[in-house]
Amino acid sequence: DAELILFEYYHKIFGDIVVEIMYKGKKHV
């Protein structure tokens, strides 16, 4: 029961990924 806030996929930078999630009122990056 978590929510995806942000998903960024940087294909030009070795496939780096940033994911932000809201879970139980706390932001997880």
mmCIF file of all heavy atoms, coordinates in Angstrom:
data_MODEL
# 
_entry.id   MODEL 
# 
loop_
_atom_site.group_PDB 
_atom_site.id 
_atom_site.type_symbol 
_atom_site.label_atom_id 
_atom_site.label_alt_id 
_atom_site.label_comp_id 
_atom_site.label_asym_id 
_atom_site.label_entity_id 
_atom_site.label_seq_id 
_atom_site.pdbx_PDB_ins_code 
_atom_site.Cartn_x 
_atom_site.Cartn_y 
_atom_site.Cartn_z 
_atom_site.occupancy 
_atom_site.B_iso_or_equiv 
_atom_site.pdbx_formal_charge 
_atom_site.auth_seq_id 
_atom_site.auth_comp_id 
_atom_site.auth_asym_id 
_atom_site.auth_atom_id 
_atom_site.pdbx_PDB_model_num 
ATOM 1   N N   . ASP A 1 1  ? 0.829  -1.204 0.000   1.00 0.00 ? 1  ASP A N   1 
ATOM 2   C CA  . ASP A 1 1  ? 0.000  0.000  0.000   1.00 0.00 ? 1  ASP A CA  1 
ATOM 3   C C   . ASP A 1 1  ? 0.870  1.263  0.000   1.00 0.00 ? 1  ASP A C   1 
ATOM 4   O O   . ASP A 1 1  ? 0.644  2.203  0.754   1.00 0.00 ? 1  ASP A O   1 
ATOM 5   C CB  . ASP A 1 1  ? -0.965 0.004  1.193   1.00 0.00 ? 1  ASP A CB  1 
ATOM 6   C CG  . ASP A 1 1  ? -2.092 0.999  1.009   1.00 0.00 ? 1  ASP A CG  1 
ATOM 7   O OD1 . ASP A 1 1  ? -2.483 1.271  -0.147  1.00 0.00 ? 1  ASP A OD1 1 
ATOM 8   O OD2 . ASP A 1 1  ? -2.591 1.524  2.029   1.00 0.00 ? 1  ASP A OD2 1 
ATOM 9   N N   . ALA A 1 2  ? 1.887  1.253  -0.836  1.00 0.00 ? 2  ALA A N   1 
ATOM 10  C CA  . ALA A 1 2  ? 2.786  2.395  -0.991  1.00 0.00 ? 2  ALA A CA  1 
ATOM 11  C C   . ALA A 1 2  ? 2.487  3.084  -2.320  1.00 0.00 ? 2  ALA A C   1 
ATOM 12  O O   . ALA A 1 2  ? 1.849  2.510  -3.198  1.00 0.00 ? 2  ALA A O   1 
ATOM 13  C CB  . ALA A 1 2  ? 4.233  1.919  -0.952  1.00 0.00 ? 2  ALA A CB  1 
ATOM 14  N N   . GLU A 1 3  ? 2.974  4.312  -2.445  1.00 0.00 ? 3  GLU A N   1 
ATOM 15  C CA  . GLU A 1 3  ? 2.672  5.116  -3.636  1.00 0.00 ? 3  GLU A CA  1 
ATOM 16  C C   . GLU A 1 3  ? 3.956  5.583  -4.315  1.00 0.00 ? 3  GLU A C   1 
ATOM 17  O O   . GLU A 1 3  ? 4.872  6.080  -3.650  1.00 0.00 ? 3  GLU A O   1 
ATOM 18  C CB  . GLU A 1 3  ? 1.846  6.328  -3.224  1.00 0.00 ? 3  GLU A CB  1 
ATOM 19  C CG  . GLU A 1 3  ? 1.492  7.251  -4.348  1.00 0.00 ? 3  GLU A CG  1 
ATOM 20  C CD  . GLU A 1 3  ? 0.782  8.515  -3.866  1.00 0.00 ? 3  GLU A CD  1 
ATOM 21  O OE1 . GLU A 1 3  ? 0.473  8.625  -2.674  1.00 0.00 ? 3  GLU A OE1 1 
ATOM 22  O OE2 . GLU A 1 3  ? 0.560  9.385  -4.710  1.00 0.00 ? 3  GLU A OE2 1 
ATOM 23  N N   . LEU A 1 4  ? 4.011  5.425  -5.618  1.00 0.00 ? 4  LEU A N   1 
ATOM 24  C CA  . LEU A 1 4  ? 5.143  5.909  -6.397  1.00 0.00 ? 4  LEU A CA  1 
ATOM 25  C C   . LEU A 1 4  ? 4.983  7.407  -6.633  1.00 0.00 ? 4  LEU A C   1 
ATOM 26  O O   . LEU A 1 4  ? 3.972  7.855  -7.165  1.00 0.00 ? 4  LEU A O   1 
ATOM 27  C CB  . LEU A 1 4  ? 5.211  5.170  -7.739  1.00 0.00 ? 4  LEU A CB  1 
ATOM 28  C CG  . LEU A 1 4  ? 6.366  5.537  -8.660  1.00 0.00 ? 4  LEU A CG  1 
ATOM 29  C CD1 . LEU A 1 4  ? 7.706  5.167  -8.031  1.00 0.00 ? 4  LEU A CD1 1 
ATOM 30  C CD2 . LEU A 1 4  ? 6.200  4.848  -9.998  1.00 0.00 ? 4  LEU A CD2 1 
ATOM 31  N N   . ILE A 1 5  ? 5.973  8.174  -6.193  1.00 0.00 ? 5  ILE A N   1 
ATOM 32  C CA  . ILE A 1 5  ? 5.939  9.629  -6.361  1.00 0.00 ? 5  ILE A CA  1 
ATOM 33  C C   . ILE A 1 5  ? 6.732  10.046 -7.598  1.00 0.00 ? 5  ILE A C   1 
ATOM 34  O O   . ILE A 1 5  ? 6.302  10.884 -8.375  1.00 0.00 ? 5  ILE A O   1 
ATOM 35  C CB  . ILE A 1 5  ? 6.526  10.339 -5.122  1.00 0.00 ? 5  ILE A CB  1 
ATOM 36  C CG1 . ILE A 1 5  ? 5.697  10.017 -3.887  1.00 0.00 ? 5  ILE A CG1 1 
ATOM 37  C CG2 . ILE A 1 5  ? 6.600  11.839 -5.339  1.00 0.00 ? 5  ILE A CG2 1 
ATOM 38  C CD1 . ILE A 1 5  ? 6.328  10.485 -2.601  1.00 0.00 ? 5  ILE A CD1 1 
ATOM 39  N N   . LEU A 1 6  ? 7.915  9.445  -7.752  1.00 0.00 ? 6  LEU A N   1 
ATOM 40  C CA  . LEU A 1 6  ? 8.798  9.845  -8.847  1.00 0.00 ? 6  LEU A CA  1 
ATOM 41  C C   . LEU A 1 6  ? 9.569  8.643  -9.342  1.00 0.00 ? 6  LEU A C   1 
ATOM 42  O O   . LEU A 1 6  ? 10.027 7.813  -8.546  1.00 0.00 ? 6  LEU A O   1 
ATOM 43  C CB  . LEU A 1 6  ? 9.795  10.907 -8.350  1.00 0.00 ? 6  LEU A CB  1 
ATOM 44  C CG  . LEU A 1 6  ? 10.911 11.314 -9.317  1.00 0.00 ? 6  LEU A CG  1 
ATOM 45  C CD1 . LEU A 1 6  ? 10.362 12.227 -10.404 1.00 0.00 ? 6  LEU A CD1 1 
ATOM 46  C CD2 . LEU A 1 6  ? 12.032 11.988 -8.575  1.00 0.00 ? 6  LEU A CD2 1 
ATOM 47  N N   . PHE A 1 7  ? 9.718  8.551  -10.649 1.00 0.00 ? 7  PHE A N   1 
ATOM 48  C CA  . PHE A 1 7  ? 10.573 7.542  -11.262 1.00 0.00 ? 7  PHE A CA  1 
ATOM 49  C C   . PHE A 1 7  ? 11.343 8.223  -12.382 1.00 0.00 ? 7  PHE A C   1 
ATOM 50  O O   . PHE A 1 7  ? 10.746 8.760  -13.307 1.00 0.00 ? 7  PHE A O   1 
ATOM 51  C CB  . PHE A 1 7  ? 9.757  6.377  -11.838 1.00 0.00 ? 7  PHE A CB  1 
ATOM 52  C CG  . PHE A 1 7  ? 10.620 5.344  -12.499 1.00 0.00 ? 7  PHE A CG  1 
ATOM 53  C CD1 . PHE A 1 7  ? 11.137 4.306  -11.760 1.00 0.00 ? 7  PHE A CD1 1 
ATOM 54  C CD2 . PHE A 1 7  ? 10.930 5.429  -13.842 1.00 0.00 ? 7  PHE A CD2 1 
ATOM 55  C CE1 . PHE A 1 7  ? 11.962 3.354  -12.355 1.00 0.00 ? 7  PHE A CE1 1 
ATOM 56  C CE2 . PHE A 1 7  ? 11.750 4.488  -14.453 1.00 0.00 ? 7  PHE A CE2 1 
ATOM 57  C CZ  . PHE A 1 7  ? 12.261 3.447  -13.699 1.00 0.00 ? 7  PHE A CZ  1 
ATOM 58  N N   . GLU A 1 8  ? 12.657 8.228  -12.251 1.00 0.00 ? 8  GLU A N   1 
ATOM 59  C CA  . GLU A 1 8  ? 13.507 8.799  -13.292 1.00 0.00 ? 8  GLU A CA  1 
ATOM 60  C C   . GLU A 1 8  ? 14.520 7.752  -13.716 1.00 0.00 ? 8  GLU A C   1 
ATOM 61  O O   . GLU A 1 8  ? 15.189 7.150  -12.866 1.00 0.00 ? 8  GLU A O   1 
ATOM 62  C CB  . GLU A 1 8  ? 14.240 10.049 -12.794 1.00 0.00 ? 8  GLU A CB  1 
ATOM 63  C CG  . GLU A 1 8  ? 13.340 11.234 -12.551 1.00 0.00 ? 8  GLU A CG  1 
ATOM 64  C CD  . GLU A 1 8  ? 12.714 11.798 -13.816 1.00 0.00 ? 8  GLU A CD  1 
ATOM 65  O OE1 . GLU A 1 8  ? 13.305 11.650 -14.907 1.00 0.00 ? 8  GLU A OE1 1 
ATOM 66  O OE2 . GLU A 1 8  ? 11.637 12.384 -13.707 1.00 0.00 ? 8  GLU A OE2 1 
ATOM 67  N N   . TYR A 1 9  ? 14.627 7.559  -15.003 1.00 0.00 ? 9  TYR A N   1 
ATOM 68  C CA  . TYR A 1 9  ? 15.572 6.597  -15.577 1.00 0.00 ? 9  TYR A CA  1 
ATOM 69  C C   . TYR A 1 9  ? 16.495 7.364  -16.499 1.00 0.00 ? 9  TYR A C   1 
ATOM 70  O O   . TYR A 1 9  ? 16.053 7.948  -17.479 1.00 0.00 ? 9  TYR A O   1 
ATOM 71  C CB  . TYR A 1 9  ? 14.814 5.513  -16.337 1.00 0.00 ? 9  TYR A CB  1 
ATOM 72  C CG  . TYR A 1 9  ? 15.684 4.519  -17.057 1.00 0.00 ? 9  TYR A CG  1 
ATOM 73  C CD1 . TYR A 1 9  ? 16.612 3.760  -16.367 1.00 0.00 ? 9  TYR A CD1 1 
ATOM 74  C CD2 . TYR A 1 9  ? 15.569 4.334  -18.427 1.00 0.00 ? 9  TYR A CD2 1 
ATOM 75  C CE1 . TYR A 1 9  ? 17.410 2.837  -17.033 1.00 0.00 ? 9  TYR A CE1 1 
ATOM 76  C CE2 . TYR A 1 9  ? 16.354 3.409  -19.099 1.00 0.00 ? 9  TYR A CE2 1 
ATOM 77  C CZ  . TYR A 1 9  ? 17.276 2.667  -18.393 1.00 0.00 ? 9  TYR A CZ  1 
ATOM 78  O OH  . TYR A 1 9  ? 18.057 1.760  -19.043 1.00 0.00 ? 9  TYR A OH  1 
ATOM 79  N N   . TYR A 1 10 ? 17.771 7.409  -16.150 1.00 0.00 ? 10 TYR A N   1 
ATOM 80  C CA  . TYR A 1 10 ? 18.756 8.157  -16.925 1.00 0.00 ? 10 TYR A CA  1 
ATOM 81  C C   . TYR A 1 10 ? 19.538 7.197  -17.813 1.00 0.00 ? 10 TYR A C   1 
ATOM 82  O O   . TYR A 1 10 ? 20.591 6.702  -17.422 1.00 0.00 ? 10 TYR A O   1 
ATOM 83  C CB  . TYR A 1 10 ? 19.682 8.918  -15.973 1.00 0.00 ? 10 TYR A CB  1 
ATOM 84  C CG  . TYR A 1 10 ? 18.936 9.892  -15.101 1.00 0.00 ? 10 TYR A CG  1 
ATOM 85  C CD1 . TYR A 1 10 ? 18.562 9.548  -13.806 1.00 0.00 ? 10 TYR A CD1 1 
ATOM 86  C CD2 . TYR A 1 10 ? 18.576 11.149 -15.577 1.00 0.00 ? 10 TYR A CD2 1 
ATOM 87  C CE1 . TYR A 1 10 ? 17.861 10.438 -13.006 1.00 0.00 ? 10 TYR A CE1 1 
ATOM 88  C CE2 . TYR A 1 10 ? 17.866 12.037 -14.798 1.00 0.00 ? 10 TYR A CE2 1 
ATOM 89  C CZ  . TYR A 1 10 ? 17.516 11.678 -13.502 1.00 0.00 ? 10 TYR A CZ  1 
ATOM 90  O OH  . TYR A 1 10 ? 16.815 12.550 -12.720 1.00 0.00 ? 10 TYR A OH  1 
ATOM 91  N N   . HIS A 1 11 ? 19.014 6.923  -18.986 1.00 0.00 ? 11 HIS A N   1 
ATOM 92  C CA  . HIS A 1 11 ? 19.635 5.951  -19.876 1.00 0.00 ? 11 HIS A CA  1 
ATOM 93  C C   . HIS A 1 11 ? 21.017 6.395  -20.350 1.00 0.00 ? 11 HIS A C   1 
ATOM 94  O O   . HIS A 1 11 ? 21.868 5.570  -20.632 1.00 0.00 ? 11 HIS A O   1 
ATOM 95  C CB  . HIS A 1 11 ? 18.729 5.643  -21.072 1.00 0.00 ? 11 HIS A CB  1 
ATOM 96  C CG  . HIS A 1 11 ? 18.538 6.808  -21.988 1.00 0.00 ? 11 HIS A CG  1 
ATOM 97  N ND1 . HIS A 1 11 ? 17.615 7.792  -21.736 1.00 0.00 ? 11 HIS A ND1 1 
ATOM 98  C CD2 . HIS A 1 11 ? 19.171 7.148  -23.127 1.00 0.00 ? 11 HIS A CD2 1 
ATOM 99  C CE1 . HIS A 1 11 ? 17.673 8.693  -22.692 1.00 0.00 ? 11 HIS A CE1 1 
ATOM 100 N NE2 . HIS A 1 11 ? 18.598 8.336  -23.552 1.00 0.00 ? 11 HIS A NE2 1 
ATOM 101 N N   . LYS A 1 12 ? 21.261 7.693  -20.403 1.00 0.00 ? 12 LYS A N   1 
ATOM 102 C CA  . LYS A 1 12 ? 22.559 8.188  -20.865 1.00 0.00 ? 12 LYS A CA  1 
ATOM 103 C C   . LYS A 1 12 ? 23.628 8.120  -19.763 1.00 0.00 ? 12 LYS A C   1 
ATOM 104 O O   . LYS A 1 12 ? 24.804 8.232  -20.046 1.00 0.00 ? 12 LYS A O   1 
ATOM 105 C CB  . LYS A 1 12 ? 22.443 9.633  -21.358 1.00 0.00 ? 12 LYS A CB  1 
ATOM 106 C CG  . LYS A 1 12 ? 21.674 9.756  -22.645 1.00 0.00 ? 12 LYS A CG  1 
ATOM 107 C CD  . LYS A 1 12 ? 21.659 11.176 -23.139 1.00 0.00 ? 12 LYS A CD  1 
ATOM 108 C CE  . LYS A 1 12 ? 20.900 11.288 -24.444 1.00 0.00 ? 12 LYS A CE  1 
ATOM 109 N NZ  . LYS A 1 12 ? 20.868 12.658 -24.950 1.00 0.00 ? 12 LYS A NZ  1 
ATOM 110 N N   . ILE A 1 13 ? 23.208 7.960  -18.536 1.00 0.00 ? 13 ILE A N   1 
ATOM 111 C CA  . ILE A 1 13 ? 24.143 7.925  -17.405 1.00 0.00 ? 13 ILE A CA  1 
ATOM 112 C C   . ILE A 1 13 ? 24.153 6.510  -16.837 1.00 0.00 ? 13 ILE A C   1 
ATOM 113 O O   . ILE A 1 13 ? 23.708 6.240  -15.728 1.00 0.00 ? 13 ILE A O   1 
ATOM 114 C CB  . ILE A 1 13 ? 23.752 8.951  -16.318 1.00 0.00 ? 13 ILE A CB  1 
ATOM 115 C CG1 . ILE A 1 13 ? 23.557 10.327 -16.938 1.00 0.00 ? 13 ILE A CG1 1 
ATOM 116 C CG2 . ILE A 1 13 ? 24.810 8.999  -15.223 1.00 0.00 ? 13 ILE A CG2 1 
ATOM 117 C CD1 . ILE A 1 13 ? 22.982 11.348 -16.000 1.00 0.00 ? 13 ILE A CD1 1 
ATOM 118 N N   . PHE A 1 14 ? 24.620 5.571  -17.614 1.00 0.00 ? 14 PHE A N   1 
ATOM 119 C CA  . PHE A 1 14 ? 24.779 4.176  -17.196 1.00 0.00 ? 14 PHE A CA  1 
ATOM 120 C C   . PHE A 1 14 ? 23.493 3.550  -16.686 1.00 0.00 ? 14 PHE A C   1 
ATOM 121 O O   . PHE A 1 14 ? 23.523 2.628  -15.881 1.00 0.00 ? 14 PHE A O   1 
ATOM 122 C CB  . PHE A 1 14 ? 25.879 4.049  -16.128 1.00 0.00 ? 14 PHE A CB  1 
ATOM 123 C CG  . PHE A 1 14 ? 27.185 4.640  -16.543 1.00 0.00 ? 14 PHE A CG  1 
ATOM 124 C CD1 . PHE A 1 14 ? 27.629 5.826  -15.993 1.00 0.00 ? 14 PHE A CD1 1 
ATOM 125 C CD2 . PHE A 1 14 ? 27.953 4.019  -17.511 1.00 0.00 ? 14 PHE A CD2 1 
ATOM 126 C CE1 . PHE A 1 14 ? 28.837 6.377  -16.390 1.00 0.00 ? 14 PHE A CE1 1 
ATOM 127 C CE2 . PHE A 1 14 ? 29.163 4.563  -17.912 1.00 0.00 ? 14 PHE A CE2 1 
ATOM 128 C CZ  . PHE A 1 14 ? 29.592 5.744  -17.349 1.00 0.00 ? 14 PHE A CZ  1 
ATOM 129 N N   . GLY A 1 15 ? 22.355 4.072  -17.080 1.00 0.00 ? 15 GLY A N   1 
ATOM 130 C CA  . GLY A 1 15 ? 21.080 3.509  -16.652 1.00 0.00 ? 15 GLY A CA  1 
ATOM 131 C C   . GLY A 1 15 ? 20.743 3.797  -15.206 1.00 0.00 ? 15 GLY A C   1 
ATOM 132 O O   . GLY A 1 15 ? 20.009 3.042  -14.572 1.00 0.00 ? 15 GLY A O   1 
ATOM 133 N N   . ASP A 1 16 ? 21.276 4.885  -14.650 1.00 0.00 ? 16 ASP A N   1 
ATOM 134 C CA  . ASP A 1 16 ? 20.978 5.234  -13.268 1.00 0.00 ? 16 ASP A CA  1 
ATOM 135 C C   . ASP A 1 16 ? 19.484 5.483  -13.093 1.00 0.00 ? 16 ASP A C   1 
ATOM 136 O O   . ASP A 1 16 ? 18.803 5.953  -14.007 1.00 0.00 ? 16 ASP A O   1 
ATOM 137 C CB  . ASP A 1 16 ? 21.757 6.471  -12.830 1.00 0.00 ? 16 ASP A CB  1 
ATOM 138 C CG  . ASP A 1 16 ? 23.242 6.193  -12.673 1.00 0.00 ? 16 ASP A CG  1 
ATOM 139 O OD1 . ASP A 1 16 ? 23.650 5.030  -12.826 1.00 0.00 ? 16 ASP A OD1 1 
ATOM 140 O OD2 . ASP A 1 16 ? 23.978 7.146  -12.382 1.00 0.00 ? 16 ASP A OD2 1 
ATOM 141 N N   . ILE A 1 17 ? 19.006 5.173  -11.893 1.00 0.00 ? 17 ILE A N   1 
ATOM 142 C CA  . ILE A 1 17 ? 17.573 5.250  -11.613 1.00 0.00 ? 17 ILE A CA  1 
ATOM 143 C C   . ILE A 1 17 ? 17.351 5.976  -10.289 1.00 0.00 ? 17 ILE A C   1 
ATOM 144 O O   . ILE A 1 17 ? 18.091 5.755  -9.328  1.00 0.00 ? 17 ILE A O   1 
ATOM 145 C CB  . ILE A 1 17 ? 16.964 3.836  -11.523 1.00 0.00 ? 17 ILE A CB  1 
ATOM 146 C CG1 . ILE A 1 17 ? 17.145 3.103  -12.855 1.00 0.00 ? 17 ILE A CG1 1 
ATOM 147 C CG2 . ILE A 1 17 ? 15.498 3.888  -11.131 1.00 0.00 ? 17 ILE A CG2 1 
ATOM 148 C CD1 . ILE A 1 17 ? 16.827 1.629  -12.789 1.00 0.00 ? 17 ILE A CD1 1 
ATOM 149 N N   . VAL A 1 18 ? 16.335 6.827  -10.244 1.00 0.00 ? 18 VAL A N   1 
ATOM 150 C CA  . VAL A 1 18 ? 15.902 7.474  -9.009  1.00 0.00 ? 18 VAL A CA  1 
ATOM 151 C C   . VAL A 1 18 ? 14.427 7.141  -8.827  1.00 0.00 ? 18 VAL A C   1 
ATOM 152 O O   . VAL A 1 18 ? 13.618 7.340  -9.735  1.00 0.00 ? 18 VAL A O   1 
ATOM 153 C CB  . VAL A 1 18 ? 16.084 9.005  -9.054  1.00 0.00 ? 18 VAL A CB  1 
ATOM 154 C CG1 . VAL A 1 18 ? 15.537 9.654  -7.796  1.00 0.00 ? 18 VAL A CG1 1 
ATOM 155 C CG2 . VAL A 1 18 ? 17.540 9.371  -9.271  1.00 0.00 ? 18 VAL A CG2 1 
ATOM 156 N N   . VAL A 1 19 ? 14.087 6.606  -7.640  1.00 0.00 ? 19 VAL A N   1 
ATOM 157 C CA  . VAL A 1 19 ? 12.706 6.255  -7.330  1.00 0.00 ? 19 VAL A CA  1 
ATOM 158 C C   . VAL A 1 19 ? 12.343 6.882  -5.987  1.00 0.00 ? 19 VAL A C   1 
ATOM 159 O O   . VAL A 1 19 ? 13.068 6.706  -5.010  1.00 0.00 ? 19 VAL A O   1 
ATOM 160 C CB  . VAL A 1 19 ? 12.520 4.716  -7.241  1.00 0.00 ? 19 VAL A CB  1 
ATOM 161 C CG1 . VAL A 1 19 ? 11.094 4.375  -6.877  1.00 0.00 ? 19 VAL A CG1 1 
ATOM 162 C CG2 . VAL A 1 19 ? 12.915 4.046  -8.535  1.00 0.00 ? 19 VAL A CG2 1 
ATOM 163 N N   . GLU A 1 20 ? 11.243 7.615  -5.959  1.00 0.00 ? 20 GLU A N   1 
ATOM 164 C CA  . GLU A 1 20 ? 10.723 8.171  -4.704  1.00 0.00 ? 20 GLU A CA  1 
ATOM 165 C C   . GLU A 1 20 ? 9.390  7.502  -4.422  1.00 0.00 ? 20 GLU A C   1 
ATOM 166 O O   . GLU A 1 20 ? 8.521  7.430  -5.293  1.00 0.00 ? 20 GLU A O   1 
ATOM 167 C CB  . GLU A 1 20 ? 10.540 9.678  -4.789  1.00 0.00 ? 20 GLU A CB  1 
ATOM 168 C CG  . GLU A 1 20 ? 11.833 10.440 -4.827  1.00 0.00 ? 20 GLU A CG  1 
ATOM 169 C CD  . GLU A 1 20 ? 11.639 11.937 -4.814  1.00 0.00 ? 20 GLU A CD  1 
ATOM 170 O OE1 . GLU A 1 20 ? 10.525 12.420 -4.501  1.00 0.00 ? 20 GLU A OE1 1 
ATOM 171 O OE2 . GLU A 1 20 ? 12.612 12.642 -5.129  1.00 0.00 ? 20 GLU A OE2 1 
ATOM 172 N N   . ILE A 1 21 ? 9.243  7.055  -3.181  1.00 0.00 ? 21 ILE A N   1 
ATOM 173 C CA  . ILE A 1 21 ? 8.050  6.326  -2.762  1.00 0.00 ? 21 ILE A CA  1 
ATOM 174 C C   . ILE A 1 21 ? 7.531  6.919  -1.463  1.00 0.00 ? 21 ILE A C   1 
ATOM 175 O O   . ILE A 1 21 ? 8.323  7.284  -0.588  1.00 0.00 ? 21 ILE A O   1 
ATOM 176 C CB  . ILE A 1 21 ? 8.400  4.838  -2.532  1.00 0.00 ? 21 ILE A CB  1 
ATOM 177 C CG1 . ILE A 1 21 ? 8.842  4.187  -3.846  1.00 0.00 ? 21 ILE A CG1 1 
ATOM 178 C CG2 . ILE A 1 21 ? 7.233  4.083  -1.916  1.00 0.00 ? 21 ILE A CG2 1 
ATOM 179 C CD1 . ILE A 1 21 ? 9.473  2.832  -3.668  1.00 0.00 ? 21 ILE A CD1 1 
ATOM 180 N N   . MET A 1 22 ? 6.228  6.990  -1.326  1.00 0.00 ? 22 MET A N   1 
ATOM 181 C CA  . MET A 1 22 ? 5.607  7.375  -0.065  1.00 0.00 ? 22 MET A CA  1 
ATOM 182 C C   . MET A 1 22 ? 5.045  6.106  0.557   1.00 0.00 ? 22 MET A C   1 
ATOM 183 O O   . MET A 1 22 ? 4.251  5.405  -0.052  1.00 0.00 ? 22 MET A O   1 
ATOM 184 C CB  . MET A 1 22 ? 4.487  8.397  -0.284  1.00 0.00 ? 22 MET A CB  1 
ATOM 185 C CG  . MET A 1 22 ? 3.913  8.939  0.995   1.00 0.00 ? 22 MET A CG  1 
ATOM 186 S SD  . MET A 1 22 ? 5.085  9.848  2.005   1.00 0.00 ? 22 MET A SD  1 
ATOM 187 C CE  . MET A 1 22 ? 5.304  11.340 1.072   1.00 0.00 ? 22 MET A CE  1 
ATOM 188 N N   . TYR A 1 23 ? 5.527  5.810  1.777   1.00 0.00 ? 23 TYR A N   1 
ATOM 189 C CA  . TYR A 1 23 ? 5.098  4.594  2.463   1.00 0.00 ? 23 TYR A CA  1 
ATOM 190 C C   . TYR A 1 23 ? 4.915  4.889  3.943   1.00 0.00 ? 23 TYR A C   1 
ATOM 191 O O   . TYR A 1 23 ? 5.849  5.349  4.610   1.00 0.00 ? 23 TYR A O   1 
ATOM 192 C CB  . TYR A 1 23 ? 6.136  3.486  2.261   1.00 0.00 ? 23 TYR A CB  1 
ATOM 193 C CG  . TYR A 1 23 ? 5.824  2.188  2.961   1.00 0.00 ? 23 TYR A CG  1 
ATOM 194 C CD1 . TYR A 1 23 ? 4.662  1.488  2.668   1.00 0.00 ? 23 TYR A CD1 1 
ATOM 195 C CD2 . TYR A 1 23 ? 6.681  1.664  3.907   1.00 0.00 ? 23 TYR A CD2 1 
ATOM 196 C CE1 . TYR A 1 23 ? 4.369  0.298  3.290   1.00 0.00 ? 23 TYR A CE1 1 
ATOM 197 C CE2 . TYR A 1 23 ? 6.401  0.466  4.537   1.00 0.00 ? 23 TYR A CE2 1 
ATOM 198 C CZ  . TYR A 1 23 ? 5.243  -0.215 4.229   1.00 0.00 ? 23 TYR A CZ  1 
ATOM 199 O OH  . TYR A 1 23 ? 4.951  -1.392 4.862   1.00 0.00 ? 23 TYR A OH  1 
ATOM 200 N N   . LYS A 1 24 ? 3.720  4.674  4.417   1.00 0.00 ? 24 LYS A N   1 
ATOM 201 C CA  . LYS A 1 24 ? 3.358  4.928  5.817   1.00 0.00 ? 24 LYS A CA  1 
ATOM 202 C C   . LYS A 1 24 ? 3.708  6.353  6.238   1.00 0.00 ? 24 LYS A C   1 
ATOM 203 O O   . LYS A 1 24 ? 4.262  6.592  7.303   1.00 0.00 ? 24 LYS A O   1 
ATOM 204 C CB  . LYS A 1 24 ? 4.034  3.916  6.742   1.00 0.00 ? 24 LYS A CB  1 
ATOM 205 C CG  . LYS A 1 24 ? 3.527  2.508  6.561   1.00 0.00 ? 24 LYS A CG  1 
ATOM 206 C CD  . LYS A 1 24 ? 4.121  1.581  7.585   1.00 0.00 ? 24 LYS A CD  1 
ATOM 207 C CE  . LYS A 1 24 ? 3.528  0.184  7.426   1.00 0.00 ? 24 LYS A CE  1 
ATOM 208 N NZ  . LYS A 1 24 ? 4.096  -0.767 8.384   1.00 0.00 ? 24 LYS A NZ  1 
ATOM 209 N N   . GLY A 1 25 ? 3.416  7.298  5.371   1.00 0.00 ? 25 GLY A N   1 
ATOM 210 C CA  . GLY A 1 25 ? 3.640  8.709  5.681   1.00 0.00 ? 25 GLY A CA  1 
ATOM 211 C C   . GLY A 1 25 ? 5.089  9.153  5.607   1.00 0.00 ? 25 GLY A C   1 
ATOM 212 O O   . GLY A 1 25 ? 5.408  10.283 5.966   1.00 0.00 ? 25 GLY A O   1 
ATOM 213 N N   . LYS A 1 26 ? 5.971  8.291  5.145   1.00 0.00 ? 26 LYS A N   1 
ATOM 214 C CA  . LYS A 1 26 ? 7.387  8.627  5.057   1.00 0.00 ? 26 LYS A CA  1 
ATOM 215 C C   . LYS A 1 26 ? 7.864  8.487  3.616   1.00 0.00 ? 26 LYS A C   1 
ATOM 216 O O   . LYS A 1 26 ? 7.492  7.550  2.925   1.00 0.00 ? 26 LYS A O   1 
ATOM 217 C CB  . LYS A 1 26 ? 8.200  7.696  5.957   1.00 0.00 ? 26 LYS A CB  1 
ATOM 218 C CG  . LYS A 1 26 ? 9.655  8.035  6.025   1.00 0.00 ? 26 LYS A CG  1 
ATOM 219 C CD  . LYS A 1 26 ? 10.392 7.115  6.986   1.00 0.00 ? 26 LYS A CD  1 
ATOM 220 C CE  . LYS A 1 26 ? 11.879 7.429  6.950   1.00 0.00 ? 26 LYS A CE  1 
ATOM 221 N NZ  . LYS A 1 26 ? 12.650 6.451  7.707   1.00 0.00 ? 26 LYS A NZ  1 
ATOM 222 N N   . LYS A 1 27 ? 8.682  9.435  3.193   1.00 0.00 ? 27 LYS A N   1 
ATOM 223 C CA  . LYS A 1 27 ? 9.226  9.412  1.838   1.00 0.00 ? 27 LYS A CA  1 
ATOM 224 C C   . LYS A 1 27 ? 10.498 8.563  1.820   1.00 0.00 ? 27 LYS A C   1 
ATOM 225 O O   . LYS A 1 27 ? 11.391 8.735  2.646   1.00 0.00 ? 27 LYS A O   1 
ATOM 226 C CB  . LYS A 1 27 ? 9.542  10.834 1.384   1.00 0.00 ? 27 LYS A CB  1 
ATOM 227 C CG  . LYS A 1 27 ? 9.927  10.956 -0.061  1.00 0.00 ? 27 LYS A CG  1 
ATOM 228 C CD  . LYS A 1 27 ? 9.832  12.419 -0.457  1.00 0.00 ? 27 LYS A CD  1 
ATOM 229 C CE  . LYS A 1 27 ? 11.002 12.855 -1.247  1.00 0.00 ? 27 LYS A CE  1 
ATOM 230 N NZ  . LYS A 1 27 ? 10.927 14.252 -1.648  1.00 0.00 ? 27 LYS A NZ  1 
ATOM 231 N N   . HIS A 1 28 ? 10.564 7.650  0.868   1.00 0.00 ? 28 HIS A N   1 
ATOM 232 C CA  . HIS A 1 28 ? 11.730 6.788  0.665   1.00 0.00 ? 28 HIS A CA  1 
ATOM 233 C C   . HIS A 1 28 ? 12.308 7.090  -0.708  1.00 0.00 ? 28 HIS A C   1 
ATOM 234 O O   . HIS A 1 28 ? 11.590 7.050  -1.697  1.00 0.00 ? 28 HIS A O   1 
ATOM 235 C CB  . HIS A 1 28 ? 11.338 5.312  0.732   1.00 0.00 ? 28 HIS A CB  1 
ATOM 236 C CG  . HIS A 1 28 ? 10.808 4.888  2.058   1.00 0.00 ? 28 HIS A CG  1 
ATOM 237 N ND1 . HIS A 1 28 ? 11.604 4.345  3.021   1.00 0.00 ? 28 HIS A ND1 1 
ATOM 238 C CD2 . HIS A 1 28 ? 9.559  4.958  2.583   1.00 0.00 ? 28 HIS A CD2 1 
ATOM 239 C CE1 . HIS A 1 28 ? 10.879 4.066  4.088   1.00 0.00 ? 28 HIS A CE1 1 
ATOM 240 N NE2 . HIS A 1 28 ? 9.632  4.435  3.843   1.00 0.00 ? 28 HIS A NE2 1 
ATOM 241 N N   . VAL A 1 29 ? 13.600 7.381  -0.746  1.00 0.00 ? 29 VAL A N   1 
ATOM 242 C CA  . VAL A 1 29 ? 14.272 7.687  -2.003  1.00 0.00 ? 29 VAL A CA  1 
ATOM 243 C C   . VAL A 1 29 ? 15.323 6.610  -2.261  1.00 0.00 ? 29 VAL A C   1 
ATOM 244 O O   . VAL A 1 29 ? 16.194 6.370  -1.424  1.00 0.00 ? 29 VAL A O   1 
ATOM 245 C CB  . VAL A 1 29 ? 14.939 9.075  -1.973  1.00 0.00 ? 29 VAL A CB  1 
ATOM 246 C CG1 . VAL A 1 29 ? 15.633 9.362  -3.298  1.00 0.00 ? 29 VAL A CG1 1 
ATOM 247 C CG2 . VAL A 1 29 ? 13.922 10.157 -1.645  1.00 0.00 ? 29 VAL A CG2 1 
# 
